[in-house]
Amino acid sequence: MRILWMYLKPHRWLVLLSLLLAGASQVFTMIDPMIFGKIIDDYAHNTTHKTQEQLVNGVLKWMGLAVGVALLARVAKSFQEYTMRLVVQKFGLQVFNDGLKQTLRLSFQEYEDQRSGETLAVLQKVRTDTERFINALINILFTSIVGMAFLIWYAITKHWALIPVFFIGIVVLGGLTGLLSKRMKTVQRNINRETLQLSGAITESLRNIELVKSLGLTYPEIKRLRLFTQKIFNLEMQKTRQVRTLSFLQGTTLNVLRQSILFTLLWLIFRNVLSTGELIAMQFISTSIFVPLQDLGNIILQYREAEASIQLFDKLMHQPVEQKPEEPVEIGPLEELRFDAVVFRHKTATQNSIDEISFTVKTGETIAFVGPSGSGKSTMVKLLVGLYKPVEGHIYFNGVSSADIRFNPLRRQIGFVTQDTQLFAGTIKENLLFVKPDATDEEVLEALHKASCDALLARSAQGIYTRLGEGGLKLSGGERQRISIARALIRHPRLLIFDEATSALDSLTEEVISDTIRTISAMREQITILIAHRLSTIMHADRIIVLEKGHIAETGTHAELVEKKGLYYAMWRQQIGERRTVIAE
C-alpha cells in the first residue's frame, strides 16, 4: 500500500481532519446511550424520592443534553463526509491523471506489446477500487475501532472482568479475518487479470466491428468473449464463497461476544457492581460497534481488490517511458534530415529490420522508399518520427543527433498521412484542430482545399461542421485520406510523410490522391518522404531508395532505376510493364 500512502500524503492534513471528525462523531454518538442509561437509573428506578417537578426538570435536562450531543455528532459527521469526499476525489483524480500521463509517455514499443483496452481498465479500476476502500476504511473500520476503544474505556471504569471478554473476541475475530483474507488475495489477482484481458478483447472487437460483421463473425466473437466472462464469473463465485464464509464466522464470533458481554453484565448487576442503566448503555454501545463490524468481510474484500488494482497500476507506472536528453539541443525549423549507418532490431527479433541505412534529404526535396513486404519501410517511418530508436548509427536533424533533441517539438513540425487513416468521431473541423487547436476557419478551409476536399464540402450542407462518425465511417476511403492529408497540411509541416497513403484505395481514387501528393511535393515547401508499394505513386520523387531485407538495394530517380534493370525494374515490370504487354496483345 506504499502507492496509496504516496498519493494520500499530500492530503494528510485533510485525512487527519476527517479522522478526527469521524472519531468525534462516533464518541458523541456513543455518549447518547450513556445519557439514556443515566435517565433509566435516576428517573425510571428512583422515583420515590423525587417530586414531579424534579422528575420533569431532570429528564428534560438530560434529554436536552442528548439532543445537543446528537446534533454535535451529526455536524461532525457532515463535515467528515465532506472532507473525506474531497480527499477521495482528489486522490482518484491524481491517480487517474498520473496513470494517463504515464500511459501517453510510454515508449511506442510498449504499446506494441499490449492492448489499449487493458490499460484503460487498469486506470479505471484502480481509481474505483481505492476510492471504495478509503471510504470503507474510515467510515466503517476506523469508526468501529474508535467505538471499541471507547467501549473498553467505559468497561474499565466499571469492572475489570469485562476486559478479557473483549480481548479474546478481538483476537479470534482478527485471526479469522487474516486467515481468509490471504486466500482472497490470490483469487482477486486472477479476477483482475481476466478482467483486463476481457477489456482488451472487447476493445479490439469494437474497433474491428466492420470486419466482424462483414465476415459473419458476430456469434463466434460473442462465444469467444463469453469464455472470458465465464472465467470471471467462476472466480467471482469463488471469492463470494470465501467472503460468505468469512462473514458467517465473523457474525458467529460477534454474536458469541455479545452474549458473553451480556452474561458478564448481568453477573455484575447480580453482584451490585453495575446498574440497569449502565447495562442498557453498554448494550447499546456494543451493538452500535458490532453491527458495522459484521461488514468486516466486505472491508477485507475491498482491501484485496484495491491491493490487486494498485499492483497493476504500479506495474504500469514502472514501464519505460520515452527518454529525454538531459541537455536537449533546439534545432529550429527542420531543413535537413540525415541517416548515418542506422541499424534497428526489434526486441524479440533475431535479425535487423534496418541495416546500415544512410541518406540525406533537404527542404524542397521529395524522397521515396519502396521495396517488397518486410523490407523495412514501416520501420523507417517509425524511426523518422522517433517512435523507434536506432540500435546503432545516428539520425541527424539539422546536423543534431536524435539522441540530443526533444522529439515532441520536432514532431510538431511533422505532417503524417498513414495507410490506416486515423480519424475521430467529431466534425471535419475538429479532426483538423486536433493537430492545431488554434487554427482559424480560414486555415481549415485552406488546408482542405490543398487536399482536394472541395467536392466533399460542397456535398455537405454543414461544411466543415459535418460529423464523420467514429473512425470516419461516414466517408469513403478516398475522402478519409483527403481529410488526413488536410490534417497533415494545416500545421504547415517541415517534414511531410506519406506512409502507403494510397495502398487501400481503388485505382481511380489512387490517381486523384496521387495527383494531390504530386501537387504538394511540387510546392517544395518542406521535406517530403513517400513510403509506397505502388510505384506509380512515387515516379515524381527526386530520389527513390529501394529497400530489400532492411538494406538499400539501389538508389536513383525513376528513369535511372528502370535503366539499371535491378530490383526496382523487376517491381515496375510486375506492376506496370507486364500489364501493358497483356493489354497490347
Foldseek 3Di string as FASTA:
>chain_A
DVVLCVLLVVVVVLVVLLLVLLLLLLVLVLVLLLLQLVLCVCQVPPPPPDDPVRNVVVVVVSVVVNVVSNVSSVVSVVVSVVSLVVSLVSSLVVLLVLLVVLVVQAFLLVPVVDFPQLSVCLSVQLSVLSSVLSCCCRNQVSSLVSLLVVLVVLVVVQDPVLVVLSVVLVVVLVVLLVVLLVVLLVLLLVLSVLVSVLRRLVVVCVVVVVVCVVVVNPVVSVVVSVVSVVVNVVSVVVSVVSLVVSLVVLVVSLVVSLVVSLVVVVVCVVVVRDDPSVSSSSSVSSVVNSVSCSCVSVSSNSVSSSVSSVVVSVVSNPRDGDDADPAADDQPAFFKKWWAQFWADDPPDPDILAGGDTDMDGFLAEEEEEEDPSLNLVVVVCVVQVSDDTPDTFMDTNRHTPRRHDRVVQCLQEQEQAQQQAAAQFFLVVRLCVSPVPDDPVLLVVLLVLLVCPVVQVVDPVRRRDGQGGRSPVDDLLNSRSSSSSSRPSSPHQEYEYHQSPVVDDPVSSVVSLVSVVVVSNVSRHYYYYYHHQVVSCQPGQKYFYGGSNYGPDMGHPVVVCVVCDPSVVSCCVRPVVVVVVVVD
